Amino acid sequence: MSTQNQPTRPWLCSDRLVDAYLARAQDGDDLRVLKTVRAIESLIVNAGIIAVTSLAIYFGEANAYVVLAAIVTLGLLNGVLAADYRALARALAELTDAPSSDDETSETDSQNNQED
C-alpha cells in the first residue's frame, strides 16, 4: 500500500481547488500570471457592481432591495473569489517550495559520488 506525500494544507484551502491548480501547472500554465489575472478580475467585478449600485442610488432608482442585493452579491462573490485566490496562492506556494526532479537527481548523484 503506497501513501502519497500530500502536504498539510490550512483548513481554509480547498484540497480539490489546490490540486486542480497544481494539475494546471503541470500542464504548462503559469500560475503567477493566473494569480495576477484573478486579482484583476476581482477588482473589475467589484468595481462594476459598486458602480451600477452607485448609479442606481444616484438616479433615485434604488430602494432597500437594490442596496441589499448589491451587498449580498458583493459578499457572496468576494467569498468565492477569495476561496479561489487562496487555493491558487497555496498551489503556487507548494510549487515554489517543492524541489524539482532535477534537484532530487543531482542530490542523489552527489551523494553517490561522495560514497565512492
PDB file of N, CA and C in Angstrom:
ATOM      1  N   MET A   1       0.846  -1.167   0.000  1.00  0.00           N
ATOM      2  CA  MET A   1       0.000   0.000   0.000  1.00  0.00           C
ATOM      3  C   MET A   1       0.894   1.234   0.000  1.00  0.00           C
ATOM      4  N   SER A   2       0.684   2.093  -0.942  1.00  0.00           N
ATOM      5  CA  SER A   2       1.509   3.298  -1.027  1.00  0.00           C
ATOM      6  C   SER A   2       0.738   4.486  -0.495  1.00  0.00           C
ATOM      7  N   THR A   3       1.462   5.372   0.149  1.00  0.00           N
ATOM      8  CA  THR A   3       0.837   6.582   0.648  1.00  0.00           C
ATOM      9  C   THR A   3       1.423   7.761  -0.095  1.00  0.00           C
ATOM     10  N   GLN A   4       0.588   8.728  -0.362  1.00  0.00           N
ATOM     11  CA  GLN A   4       1.056   9.921  -1.039  1.00  0.00           C
ATOM     12  C   GLN A   4       1.569  10.906  -0.002  1.00  0.00           C
ATOM     13  N   ASN A   5       2.596  11.643  -0.376  1.00  0.00           N
ATOM     14  CA  ASN A   5       3.113  12.689   0.493  1.00  0.00           C
ATOM     15  C   ASN A   5       2.397  13.988   0.173  1.00  0.00           C
ATOM     16  N   GLN A   6       1.177  14.092   0.645  1.00  0.00           N
ATOM     17  CA  GLN A   6       0.400  15.305   0.415  1.00  0.00           C
ATOM     18  C   GLN A   6       0.691  16.280   1.537  1.00  0.00           C
ATOM     19  N   PRO A   7       1.039  17.519   1.177  1.00  0.00           N
ATOM     20  CA  PRO A   7       1.335  18.488   2.220  1.00  0.00           C
ATOM     21  C   PRO A   7       0.089  18.827   3.030  1.00  0.00           C
ATOM     22  N   THR A   8       0.324  19.173   4.284  1.00  0.00           N
ATOM     23  CA  THR A   8      -0.776  19.592   5.129  1.00  0.00           C
ATOM     24  C   THR A   8      -1.175  20.999   4.738  1.00  0.00           C
ATOM     25  N   ARG A   9      -2.426  21.154   4.423  1.00  0.00           N
ATOM     26  CA  ARG A   9      -2.933  22.453   3.976  1.00  0.00           C
ATOM     27  C   ARG A   9      -3.815  23.059   5.049  1.00  0.00           C
ATOM     28  N   PRO A  10      -3.862  24.385   5.110  1.00  0.00           N
ATOM     29  CA  PRO A  10      -4.767  25.026   6.065  1.00  0.00           C
ATOM     30  C   PRO A  10      -6.219  24.663   5.761  1.00  0.00           C
ATOM     31  N   TRP A  11      -7.057  24.738   6.763  1.00  0.00           N
ATOM     32  CA  TRP A  11      -8.450  24.336   6.597  1.00  0.00           C
ATOM     33  C   TRP A  11      -9.183  25.213   5.600  1.00  0.00           C
ATOM     34  N   LEU A  12      -8.732  26.431   5.402  1.00  0.00           N
ATOM     35  CA  LEU A  12      -9.457  27.331   4.515  1.00  0.00           C
ATOM     36  C   LEU A  12      -9.096  27.158   3.047  1.00  0.00           C
ATOM     37  N   CYS A  13      -8.155  26.278   2.742  1.00  0.00           N
ATOM     38  CA  CYS A  13      -7.793  25.990   1.346  1.00  0.00           C
ATOM     39  C   CYS A  13      -8.446  24.684   0.919  1.00  0.00           C
ATOM     40  N   SER A  14      -9.215  24.748  -0.128  1.00  0.00           N
ATOM     41  CA  SER A  14      -9.878  23.564  -0.649  1.00  0.00           C
ATOM     42  C   SER A  14      -8.844  22.668  -1.339  1.00  0.00           C
ATOM     43  N   ASP A  15      -8.738  21.411  -0.872  1.00  0.00           N
ATOM     44  CA  ASP A  15      -7.782  20.482  -1.468  1.00  0.00           C
ATOM     45  C   ASP A  15      -8.072  20.265  -2.948  1.00  0.00           C
ATOM     46  N   ARG A  16      -9.346  20.205  -3.281  1.00  0.00           N
ATOM     47  CA  ARG A  16      -9.735  19.964  -4.673  1.00  0.00           C
ATOM     48  C   ARG A  16      -9.294  21.113  -5.577  1.00  0.00           C
ATOM     49  N   LEU A  17      -9.474  22.354  -5.117  1.00  0.00           N
ATOM     50  CA  LEU A  17      -9.050  23.500  -5.917  1.00  0.00           C
ATOM     51  C   LEU A  17      -7.533  23.575  -6.036  1.00  0.00           C
ATOM     52  N   VAL A  18      -6.828  23.340  -4.924  1.00  0.00           N
ATOM     53  CA  VAL A  18      -5.363  23.385  -4.955  1.00  0.00           C
ATOM     54  C   VAL A  18      -4.836  22.316  -5.903  1.00  0.00           C
ATOM     55  N   ASP A  19      -5.385  21.104  -5.822  1.00  0.00           N
ATOM     56  CA  ASP A  19      -4.949  20.027  -6.718  1.00  0.00           C
ATOM     57  C   ASP A  19      -5.244  20.353  -8.174  1.00  0.00           C
ATOM     58  N   ALA A  20      -6.377  21.017  -8.424  1.00  0.00           N
ATOM     59  CA  ALA A  20      -6.707  21.409  -9.799  1.00  0.00           C
ATOM     60  C   ALA A  20      -5.695  22.425 -10.327  1.00  0.00           C
ATOM     61  N   TYR A  21      -5.300  23.373  -9.486  1.00  0.00           N
ATOM     62  CA  TYR A  21      -4.290  24.347  -9.916  1.00  0.00           C
ATOM     63  C   TYR A  21      -2.926  23.697 -10.104  1.00  0.00           C
ATOM     64  N   LEU A  22      -2.586  22.735  -9.258  1.00  0.00           N
ATOM     65  CA  LEU A  22      -1.317  22.021  -9.437  1.00  0.00           C
ATOM     66  C   LEU A  22      -1.321  21.233 -10.749  1.00  0.00           C
ATOM     67  N   ALA A  23      -2.470  20.664 -11.101  1.00  0.00           N
ATOM     68  CA  ALA A  23      -2.578  19.945 -12.373  1.00  0.00           C
ATOM     69  C   ALA A  23      -2.427  20.908 -13.545  1.00  0.00           C
ATOM     70  N   ARG A  24      -3.003  22.107 -13.418  1.00  0.00           N
ATOM     71  CA  ARG A  24      -2.848  23.113 -14.484  1.00  0.00           C
ATOM     72  C   ARG A  24      -1.393  23.513 -14.637  1.00  0.00           C
ATOM     73  N   ALA A  25      -0.687  23.617 -13.513  1.00  0.00           N
ATOM     74  CA  ALA A  25       0.728  23.982 -13.571  1.00  0.00           C
ATOM     75  C   ALA A  25       1.536  22.887 -14.253  1.00  0.00           C
ATOM     76  N   GLN A  26       1.176  21.633 -14.008  1.00  0.00           N
ATOM     77  CA  GLN A  26       1.876  20.529 -14.668  1.00  0.00           C
ATOM     78  C   GLN A  26       1.584  20.499 -16.161  1.00  0.00           C
ATOM     79  N   ASP A  27       0.432  21.033 -16.561  1.00  0.00           N
ATOM     80  CA  ASP A  27       0.099  21.106 -17.986  1.00  0.00           C
ATOM     81  C   ASP A  27       0.788  22.270 -18.683  1.00  0.00           C
ATOM     82  N   GLY A  28       1.483  23.110 -17.913  1.00  0.00           N
ATOM     83  CA  GLY A  28       2.238  24.192 -18.523  1.00  0.00           C
ATOM     84  C   GLY A  28       1.711  25.584 -18.276  1.00  0.00           C
ATOM     85  N   ASP A  29       0.621  25.719 -17.522  1.00  0.00           N
ATOM     86  CA  ASP A  29       0.101  27.052 -17.217  1.00  0.00           C
ATOM     87  C   ASP A  29       1.001  27.741 -16.197  1.00  0.00           C
ATOM     88  N   ASP A  30       1.145  29.045 -16.338  1.00  0.00           N
ATOM     89  CA  ASP A  30       1.927  29.837 -15.399  1.00  0.00           C
ATOM     90  C   ASP A  30       0.995  30.346 -14.308  1.00  0.00           C
ATOM     91  N   LEU A  31       1.166  29.853 -13.092  1.00  0.00           N
ATOM     92  CA  LEU A  31       0.263  30.216 -12.013  1.00  0.00           C
ATOM     93  C   LEU A  31       0.456  31.653 -11.551  1.00  0.00           C
ATOM     94  N   ARG A  32       1.646  32.205 -11.735  1.00  0.00           N
ATOM     95  CA  ARG A  32       1.851  33.602 -11.347  1.00  0.00           C
ATOM     96  C   ARG A  32       1.000  34.533 -12.209  1.00  0.00           C
ATOM     97  N   VAL A  33       0.956  34.254 -13.492  1.00  0.00           N
ATOM     98  CA  VAL A  33       0.130  35.054 -14.397  1.00  0.00           C
ATOM     99  C   VAL A  33      -1.345  34.858 -14.059  1.00  0.00           C
ATOM    100  N   LEU A  34      -1.735  33.635 -13.803  1.00  0.00           N
ATOM    101  CA  LEU A  34      -3.121  33.342 -13.459  1.00  0.00           C
ATOM    102  C   LEU A  34      -3.523  34.037 -12.155  1.00  0.00           C
ATOM    103  N   LYS A  35      -2.605  34.089 -11.197  1.00  0.00           N
ATOM    104  CA  LYS A  35      -2.877  34.776  -9.929  1.00  0.00           C
ATOM    105  C   LYS A  35      -3.121  36.268 -10.164  1.00  0.00           C
ATOM    106  N   THR A  36      -2.325  36.866 -11.028  1.00  0.00           N
ATOM    107  CA  THR A  36      -2.490  38.283 -11.352  1.00  0.00           C
ATOM    108  C   THR A  36      -3.817  38.521 -12.068  1.00  0.00           C
ATOM    109  N   VAL A  37      -4.151  37.650 -12.996  1.00  0.00           N
ATOM    110  CA  VAL A  37      -5.410  37.787 -13.741  1.00  0.00           C
ATOM    111  C   VAL A  37      -6.606  37.658 -12.801  1.00  0.00           C
ATOM    112  N   ARG A  38      -6.532  36.746 -11.859  1.00  0.00           N
ATOM    113  CA  ARG A  38      -7.633  36.575 -10.897  1.00  0.00           C
ATOM    114  C   ARG A  38      -7.809  37.824 -10.035  1.00  0.00           C
ATOM    115  N   ALA A  39      -6.710  38.423  -9.617  1.00  0.00           N
ATOM    116  CA  ALA A  39      -6.794  39.634  -8.797  1.00  0.00           C
ATOM    117  C   ALA A  39      -7.410  40.784  -9.593  1.00  0.00           C
ATOM    118  N   ILE A  40      -6.989  40.943 -10.839  1.00  0.00           N
ATOM    119  CA  ILE A  40      -7.545  41.996 -11.692  1.00  0.00           C
ATOM    120  C   ILE A  40      -9.023  41.739 -11.966  1.00  0.00           C
ATOM    121  N   GLU A  41      -9.372  40.491 -12.210  1.00  0.00           N
ATOM    122  CA  GLU A  41     -10.771  40.122 -12.445  1.00  0.00           C
ATOM    123  C   GLU A  41     -11.631  40.478 -11.231  1.00  0.00           C
ATOM    124  N   SER A  42     -11.133  40.197 -10.054  1.00  0.00           N
ATOM    125  CA  SER A  42     -11.864  40.511  -8.832  1.00  0.00           C
ATOM    126  C   SER A  42     -12.081  42.013  -8.691  1.00  0.00           C
ATOM    127  N   LEU A  43     -11.050  42.787  -8.969  1.00  0.00           N
ATOM    128  CA  LEU A  43     -11.174  44.243  -8.872  1.00  0.00           C
ATOM    129  C   LEU A  43     -12.191  44.794  -9.868  1.00  0.00           C
ATOM    130  N   ILE A  44     -12.164  44.289 -11.089  1.00  0.00           N
ATOM    131  CA  ILE A  44     -13.077  44.776 -12.118  1.00  0.00           C
ATOM    132  C   ILE A  44     -14.530  44.441 -11.778  1.00  0.00           C
ATOM    133  N   VAL A  45     -14.772  43.216 -11.331  1.00  0.00           N
ATOM    134  CA  VAL A  45     -16.135  42.814 -11.000  1.00  0.00           C
ATOM    135  C   VAL A  45     -16.654  43.613  -9.810  1.00  0.00           C
ATOM    136  N   ASN A  46     -15.821  43.792  -8.787  1.00  0.00           N
ATOM    137  CA  ASN A  46     -16.243  44.589  -7.629  1.00  0.00           C
ATOM    138  C   ASN A  46     -16.540  46.028  -8.028  1.00  0.00           C
ATOM    139  N   ALA A  47     -15.670  46.607  -8.827  1.00  0.00           N
ATOM    140  CA  ALA A  47     -15.883  47.989  -9.273  1.00  0.00           C
ATOM    141  C   ALA A  47     -17.168  48.097 -10.093  1.00  0.00           C
ATOM    142  N   GLY A  48     -17.454  47.103 -10.915  1.00  0.00           N
ATOM    143  CA  GLY A  48     -18.677  47.113 -11.717  1.00  0.00           C
ATOM    144  C   GLY A  48     -19.928  47.063 -10.871  1.00  0.00           C
ATOM    145  N   ILE A  49     -19.940  46.175  -9.877  1.00  0.00           N
ATOM    146  CA  ILE A  49     -21.119  46.065  -9.012  1.00  0.00           C
ATOM    147  C   ILE A  49     -21.309  47.352  -8.213  1.00  0.00           C
ATOM    148  N   ILE A  50     -20.224  47.895  -7.698  1.00  0.00           N
ATOM    149  CA  ILE A  50     -20.313  49.139  -6.925  1.00  0.00           C
ATOM    150  C   ILE A  50     -20.768  50.293  -7.817  1.00  0.00           C
ATOM    151  N   ALA A  51     -20.277  50.347  -9.054  1.00  0.00           N
ATOM    152  CA  ALA A  51     -20.658  51.431  -9.968  1.00  0.00           C
ATOM    153  C   ALA A  51     -22.137  51.355 -10.331  1.00  0.00           C
ATOM    154  N   VAL A  52     -22.622  50.171 -10.646  1.00  0.00           N
ATOM    155  CA  VAL A  52     -24.040  50.022 -11.004  1.00  0.00           C
ATOM    156  C   VAL A  52     -24.931  50.382  -9.820  1.00  0.00           C
ATOM    157  N   THR A  53     -24.554  49.938  -8.641  1.00  0.00           N
ATOM    158  CA  THR A  53     -25.338  50.262  -7.450  1.00  0.00           C
ATOM    159  C   THR A  53     -25.292  51.760  -7.158  1.00  0.00           C
ATOM    160  N   SER A  54     -24.128  52.361  -7.292  1.00  0.00           N
ATOM    161  CA  SER A  54     -23.994  53.804  -7.050  1.00  0.00           C
ATOM    162  C   SER A  54     -24.828  54.608  -8.046  1.00  0.00           C
ATOM    163  N   LEU A  55     -24.808  54.193  -9.316  1.00  0.00           N
ATOM    164  CA  LEU A  55     -25.627  54.882 -10.310  1.00  0.00           C
ATOM    165  C   LEU A  55     -27.114  54.746 -10.011  1.00  0.00           C
ATOM    166  N   ALA A  56     -27.524  53.577  -9.577  1.00  0.00           N
ATOM    167  CA  ALA A  56     -28.936  53.372  -9.234  1.00  0.00           C
ATOM    168  C   ALA A  56     -29.330  54.253  -8.056  1.00  0.00           C
ATOM    169  N   ILE A  57     -28.449  54.376  -7.092  1.00  0.00           N
ATOM    170  CA  ILE A  57     -28.744  55.239  -5.943  1.00  0.00           C
ATOM    171  C   ILE A  57     -28.757  56.704  -6.381  1.00  0.00           C
ATOM    172  N   TYR A  58     -27.801  57.087  -7.208  1.00  0.00           N
ATOM    173  CA  TYR A  58     -27.694  58.474  -7.652  1.00  0.00           C
ATOM    174  C   TYR A  58     -28.927  58.920  -8.438  1.00  0.00           C
ATOM    175  N   PHE A  59     -29.399  58.050  -9.316  1.00  0.00           N
ATOM    176  CA  PHE A  59     -30.553  58.413 -10.129  1.00  0.00           C
ATOM    177  C   PHE A  59     -31.884  58.141  -9.423  1.00  0.00           C
ATOM    178  N   GLY A  60     -31.837  57.722  -8.194  1.00  0.00           N
ATOM    179  CA  GLY A  60     -33.048  57.566  -7.403  1.00  0.00           C
ATOM    180  C   GLY A  60     -33.835  56.315  -7.686  1.00  0.00           C
ATOM    181  N   GLU A  61     -33.268  55.382  -8.408  1.00  0.00           N
ATOM    182  CA  GLU A  61     -33.988  54.153  -8.733  1.00  0.00           C
ATOM    183  C   GLU A  61     -33.794  53.079  -7.672  1.00  0.00           C
ATOM    184  N   ALA A  62     -32.865  53.327  -6.783  1.00  0.00           N
ATOM    185  CA  ALA A  62     -32.545  52.296  -5.803  1.00  0.00           C
ATOM    186  C   ALA A  62     -33.454  52.404  -4.593  1.00  0.00           C
ATOM    187  N   ASN A  63     -33.843  51.282  -4.131  1.00  0.00           N
ATOM    188  CA  ASN A  63     -34.531  51.226  -2.853  1.00  0.00           C
ATOM    189  C   ASN A  63     -33.749  50.246  -1.974  1.00  0.00           C
ATOM    190  N   ALA A  64     -34.289  49.860  -0.891  1.00  0.00           N
ATOM    191  CA  ALA A  64     -33.573  48.981   0.042  1.00  0.00           C
ATOM    192  C   ALA A  64     -33.233  47.640  -0.595  1.00  0.00           C
ATOM    193  N   TYR A  65     -34.069  47.181  -1.515  1.00  0.00           N
ATOM    194  CA  TYR A  65     -33.820  45.881  -2.139  1.00  0.00           C
ATOM    195  C   TYR A  65     -32.590  45.906  -3.039  1.00  0.00           C
ATOM    196  N   VAL A  66     -32.373  46.999  -3.752  1.00  0.00           N
ATOM    197  CA  VAL A  66     -31.203  47.111  -4.627  1.00  0.00           C
ATOM    198  C   VAL A  66     -29.934  47.137  -3.790  1.00  0.00           C
ATOM    199  N   VAL A  67     -29.955  47.922  -2.726  1.00  0.00           N
ATOM    200  CA  VAL A  67     -28.783  48.001  -1.855  1.00  0.00           C
ATOM    201  C   VAL A  67     -28.525  46.654  -1.191  1.00  0.00           C
ATOM    202  N   LEU A  68     -29.569  46.013  -0.718  1.00  0.00           N
ATOM    203  CA  LEU A  68     -29.421  44.698  -0.096  1.00  0.00           C
ATOM    204  C   LEU A  68     -28.885  43.674  -1.095  1.00  0.00           C
ATOM    205  N   ALA A  69     -29.432  43.686  -2.305  1.00  0.00           N
ATOM    206  CA  ALA A  69     -28.961  42.759  -3.339  1.00  0.00           C
ATOM    207  C   ALA A  69     -27.498  43.015  -3.676  1.00  0.00           C
ATOM    208  N   ALA A  70     -27.093  44.278  -3.731  1.00  0.00           N
ATOM    209  CA  ALA A  70     -25.697  44.601  -4.029  1.00  0.00           C
ATOM    210  C   ALA A  70     -24.776  44.125  -2.924  1.00  0.00           C
ATOM    211  N   ILE A  71     -25.158  44.314  -1.680  1.00  0.00           N
ATOM    212  CA  ILE A  71     -24.321  43.882  -0.558  1.00  0.00           C
ATOM    213  C   ILE A  71     -24.204  42.361  -0.523  1.00  0.00           C
ATOM    214  N   VAL A  72     -25.323  41.678  -0.730  1.00  0.00           N
ATOM    215  CA  VAL A  72     -25.300  40.209  -0.742  1.00  0.00           C
ATOM    216  C   VAL A  72     -24.456  39.697  -1.903  1.00  0.00           C
ATOM    217  N   THR A  73     -24.621  40.299  -3.080  1.00  0.00           N
ATOM    218  CA  THR A  73     -23.845  39.881  -4.246  1.00  0.00           C
ATOM    219  C   THR A  73     -22.350  40.098  -4.020  1.00  0.00           C
ATOM    220  N   LEU A  74     -21.993  41.252  -3.489  1.00  0.00           N
ATOM    221  CA  LEU A  74     -20.577  41.511  -3.204  1.00  0.00           C
ATOM    222  C   LEU A  74     -20.027  40.522  -2.184  1.00  0.00           C
ATOM    223  N   GLY A  75     -20.805  40.228  -1.157  1.00  0.00           N
ATOM    224  CA  GLY A  75     -20.348  39.291  -0.138  1.00  0.00           C
ATOM    225  C   GLY A  75     -20.150  37.889  -0.688  1.00  0.00           C
ATOM    226  N   LEU A  76     -21.137  37.405  -1.427  1.00  0.00           N
ATOM    227  CA  LEU A  76     -21.029  36.054  -1.997  1.00  0.00           C
ATOM    228  C   LEU A  76     -19.915  35.966  -3.031  1.00  0.00           C
ATOM    229  N   LEU A  77     -19.858  36.940  -3.894  1.00  0.00           N
ATOM    230  CA  LEU A  77     -18.835  36.930  -4.939  1.00  0.00           C
ATOM    231  C   LEU A  77     -17.435  36.998  -4.349  1.00  0.00           C
ATOM    232  N   ASN A  78     -17.251  37.884  -3.376  1.00  0.00           N
ATOM    233  CA  ASN A  78     -15.930  38.000  -2.767  1.00  0.00           C
ATOM    234  C   ASN A  78     -15.562  36.761  -1.970  1.00  0.00           C
ATOM    235  N   GLY A  79     -16.534  36.087  -1.400  1.00  0.00           N
ATOM    236  CA  GLY A  79     -16.250  34.828  -0.714  1.00  0.00           C
ATOM    237  C   GLY A  79     -15.751  33.762  -1.673  1.00  0.00           C
ATOM    238  N   VAL A  80     -16.414  33.646  -2.804  1.00  0.00           N
ATOM    239  CA  VAL A  80     -16.000  32.663  -3.809  1.00  0.00           C
ATOM    240  C   VAL A  80     -14.637  33.031  -4.394  1.00  0.00           C
ATOM    241  N   LEU A  81     -14.458  34.300  -4.732  1.00  0.00           N
ATOM    242  CA  LEU A  81     -13.176  34.726  -5.301  1.00  0.00           C
ATOM    243  C   LEU A  81     -12.038  34.588  -4.297  1.00  0.00           C
ATOM    244  N   ALA A  82     -12.313  34.846  -3.030  1.00  0.00           N
ATOM    245  CA  ALA A  82     -11.273  34.711  -2.010  1.00  0.00           C
ATOM    246  C   ALA A  82     -10.863  33.252  -1.839  1.00  0.00           C
ATOM    247  N   ALA A  83     -11.827  32.340  -1.862  1.00  0.00           N
ATOM    248  CA  ALA A  83     -11.502  30.918  -1.749  1.00  0.00           C
ATOM    249  C   ALA A  83     -10.679  30.461  -2.943  1.00  0.00           C
ATOM    250  N   ASP A  84     -11.046  30.909  -4.119  1.00  0.00           N
ATOM    251  CA  ASP A  84     -10.302  30.554  -5.322  1.00  0.00           C
ATOM    252  C   ASP A  84      -8.895  31.134  -5.280  1.00  0.00           C
ATOM    253  N   TYR A  85      -8.775  32.369  -4.835  1.00  0.00           N
ATOM    254  CA  TYR A  85      -7.468  33.026  -4.763  1.00  0.00           C
ATOM    255  C   TYR A  85      -6.576  32.357  -3.723  1.00  0.00           C
ATOM    256  N   ARG A  86      -7.152  31.970  -2.573  1.00  0.00           N
ATOM    257  CA  ARG A  86      -6.355  31.267  -1.550  1.00  0.00           C
ATOM    258  C   ARG A  86      -5.839  29.937  -2.077  1.00  0.00           C
ATOM    259  N   ALA A  87      -6.687  29.208  -2.802  1.00  0.00           N
ATOM    260  CA  ALA A  87      -6.257  27.922  -3.358  1.00  0.00           C
ATOM    261  C   ALA A  87      -5.152  28.121  -4.388  1.00  0.00           C
ATOM    262  N   LEU A  88      -5.284  29.149  -5.203  1.00  0.00           N
ATOM    263  CA  LEU A  88      -4.260  29.441  -6.201  1.00  0.00           C
ATOM    264  C   LEU A  88      -2.950  29.843  -5.534  1.00  0.00           C
ATOM    265  N   ALA A  89      -3.024  30.673  -4.511  1.00  0.00           N
ATOM    266  CA  ALA A  89      -1.817  31.079  -3.794  1.00  0.00           C
ATOM    267  C   ALA A  89      -1.160  29.891  -3.102  1.00  0.00           C
ATOM    268  N   ARG A  90      -1.959  28.985  -2.556  1.00  0.00           N
ATOM    269  CA  ARG A  90      -1.413  27.788  -1.897  1.00  0.00           C
ATOM    270  C   ARG A  90      -0.739  26.873  -2.915  1.00  0.00           C
ATOM    271  N   ALA A  91      -1.353  26.700  -4.069  1.00  0.00           N
ATOM    272  CA  ALA A  91      -0.745  25.870  -5.116  1.00  0.00           C
ATOM    273  C   ALA A  91       0.570  26.474  -5.574  1.00  0.00           C
ATOM    274  N   LEU A  92       0.608  27.779  -5.721  1.00  0.00           N
ATOM    275  CA  LEU A  92       1.842  28.455  -6.114  1.00  0.00           C
ATOM    276  C   LEU A  92       2.911  28.283  -5.047  1.00  0.00           C
ATOM    277  N   ALA A  93       2.516  28.381  -3.784  1.00  0.00           N
ATOM    278  CA  ALA A  93       3.473  28.185  -2.690  1.00  0.00           C
ATOM    279  C   ALA A  93       3.999  26.757  -2.671  1.00  0.00           C
ATOM    280  N   GLU A  94       3.127  25.783  -2.923  1.00  0.00           N
ATOM    281  CA  GLU A  94       3.569  24.386  -2.945  1.00  0.00           C
ATOM    282  C   GLU A  94       4.515  24.132  -4.107  1.00  0.00           C
ATOM    283  N   LEU A  95       4.274  24.771  -5.233  1.00  0.00           N
ATOM    284  CA  LEU A  95       5.164  24.598  -6.381  1.00  0.00           C
ATOM    285  C   LEU A  95       6.536  25.206  -6.130  1.00  0.00           C
ATOM    286  N   THR A  96       6.571  26.369  -5.500  1.00  0.00           N
ATOM    287  CA  THR A  96       7.857  27.018  -5.265  1.00  0.00           C
ATOM    288  C   THR A  96       8.622  26.363  -4.129  1.00  0.00           C
ATOM    289  N   ASP A  97       7.935  25.714  -3.187  1.00  0.00           N
ATOM    290  CA  ASP A  97       8.604  25.033  -2.076  1.00  0.00           C
ATOM    291  C   ASP A  97       9.078  23.638  -2.450  1.00  0.00           C
ATOM    292  N   ALA A  98       8.414  22.993  -3.399  1.00  0.00           N
ATOM    293  CA  ALA A  98       8.749  21.625  -3.779  1.00  0.00           C
ATOM    294  C   ALA A  98      10.017  21.612  -4.626  1.00  0.00           C
ATOM    295  N   PRO A  99      10.949  20.704  -4.307  1.00  0.00           N
ATOM    296  CA  PRO A  99      12.147  20.608  -5.146  1.00  0.00           C
ATOM    297  C   PRO A  99      11.798  19.998  -6.497  1.00  0.00           C
ATOM    298  N   SER A 100      12.474  20.445  -7.513  1.00  0.00           N
ATOM    299  CA  SER A 100      12.212  19.897  -8.840  1.00  0.00           C
ATOM    300  C   SER A 100      12.870  18.531  -8.962  1.00  0.00           C
ATOM    301  N   SER A 101      12.482  17.781  -9.962  1.00  0.00           N
ATOM    302  CA  SER A 101      13.037  16.435 -10.144  1.00  0.00           C
ATOM    303  C   SER A 101      14.523  16.506 -10.478  1.00  0.00           C
ATOM    304  N   ASP A 102      14.980  17.570 -11.138  1.00  0.00           N
ATOM    305  CA  ASP A 102      16.399  17.725 -11.429  1.00  0.00           C
ATOM    306  C   ASP A 102      17.204  17.907 -10.153  1.00  0.00           C
ATOM    307  N   ASP A 103      16.656  18.645  -9.193  1.00  0.00           N
ATOM    308  CA  ASP A 103      17.346  18.851  -7.925  1.00  0.00           C
ATOM    309  C   ASP A 103      17.490  17.542  -7.168  1.00  0.00           C
ATOM    310  N   GLU A 104      16.452  16.716  -7.198  1.00  0.00           N
ATOM    311  CA  GLU A 104      16.496  15.440  -6.487  1.00  0.00           C
ATOM    312  C   GLU A 104      17.533  14.519  -7.102  1.00  0.00           C
ATOM    313  N   THR A 105      17.609  14.464  -8.424  1.00  0.00           N
ATOM    314  CA  THR A 105      18.572  13.573  -9.056  1.00  0.00           C
ATOM    315  C   THR A 105      19.991  14.077  -8.863  1.00  0.00           C
ATOM    316  N   SER A 106      20.202  15.394  -8.864  1.00  0.00           N
ATOM    317  CA  SER A 106      21.550  15.911  -8.664  1.00  0.00           C
ATOM    318  C   SER A 106      22.004  15.665  -7.233  1.00  0.00           C
ATOM    319  N   GLU A 107      21.081  15.726  -6.252  1.00  0.00           N
ATOM    320  CA  GLU A 107      21.446  15.426  -4.881  1.00  0.00           C
ATOM    321  C   GLU A 107      21.801  13.957  -4.731  1.00  0.00           C
ATOM    322  N   THR A 108      21.045  13.076  -5.385  1.00  0.00           N
ATOM    323  CA  THR A 108      21.332  11.650  -5.324  1.00  0.00           C
ATOM    324  C   THR A 108      22.679  11.348  -5.962  1.00  0.00           C
ATOM    325  N   ASP A 109      22.967  11.995  -7.111  1.00  0.00           N
ATOM    326  CA  ASP A 109      24.247  11.778  -7.769  1.00  0.00           C
ATOM    327  C   ASP A 109      25.403  12.262  -6.920  1.00  0.00           C
ATOM    328  N   SER A 110      25.246  13.394  -6.264  1.00  0.00           N
ATOM    329  CA  SER A 110      26.331  13.916  -5.424  1.00  0.00           C
ATOM    330  C   SER A 110      26.543  13.035  -4.207  1.00  0.00           C
ATOM    331  N   GLN A 111      25.459  12.450  -3.655  1.00  0.00           N
ATOM    332  CA  GLN A 111      25.612  11.547  -2.535  1.00  0.00           C
ATOM    333  C   GLN A 111      26.310  10.267  -2.970  1.00  0.00           C
ATOM    334  N   ASN A 112      25.989   9.758  -4.150  1.00  0.00           N
ATOM    335  CA  ASN A 112      26.636   8.556  -4.658  1.00  0.00           C
ATOM    336  C   ASN A 112      28.119   8.815  -4.912  1.00  0.00           C
ATOM    337  N   ASN A 113      28.471   9.977  -5.411  1.00  0.00           N
ATOM    338  CA  ASN A 113      29.875  10.306  -5.666  1.00  0.00           C
ATOM    339  C   ASN A 113      30.662  10.422  -4.362  1.00  0.00           C
ATOM    340  N   GLN A 114      30.034  10.910  -3.288  1.00  0.00           N
ATOM    341  CA  GLN A 114      30.711  11.048  -2.020  1.00  0.00           C
ATOM    342  C   GLN A 114      30.971   9.703  -1.368  1.00  0.00           C
ATOM    343  N   GLU A 115      30.104   8.729  -1.631  1.00  0.00           N
ATOM    344  CA  GLU A 115      30.279   7.397  -1.058  1.00  0.00           C
ATOM    345  C   GLU A 115      31.455   6.673  -1.686  1.00  0.00           C
ATOM    346  N   ASP A 116      31.787   7.012  -2.940  1.00  0.00           N
ATOM    347  CA  ASP A 116      32.891   6.321  -3.628  1.00  0.00           C
ATOM    348  C   ASP A 116      34.200   6.716  -3.122  1.00  0.00           C
TER     349      ASP A 116
END
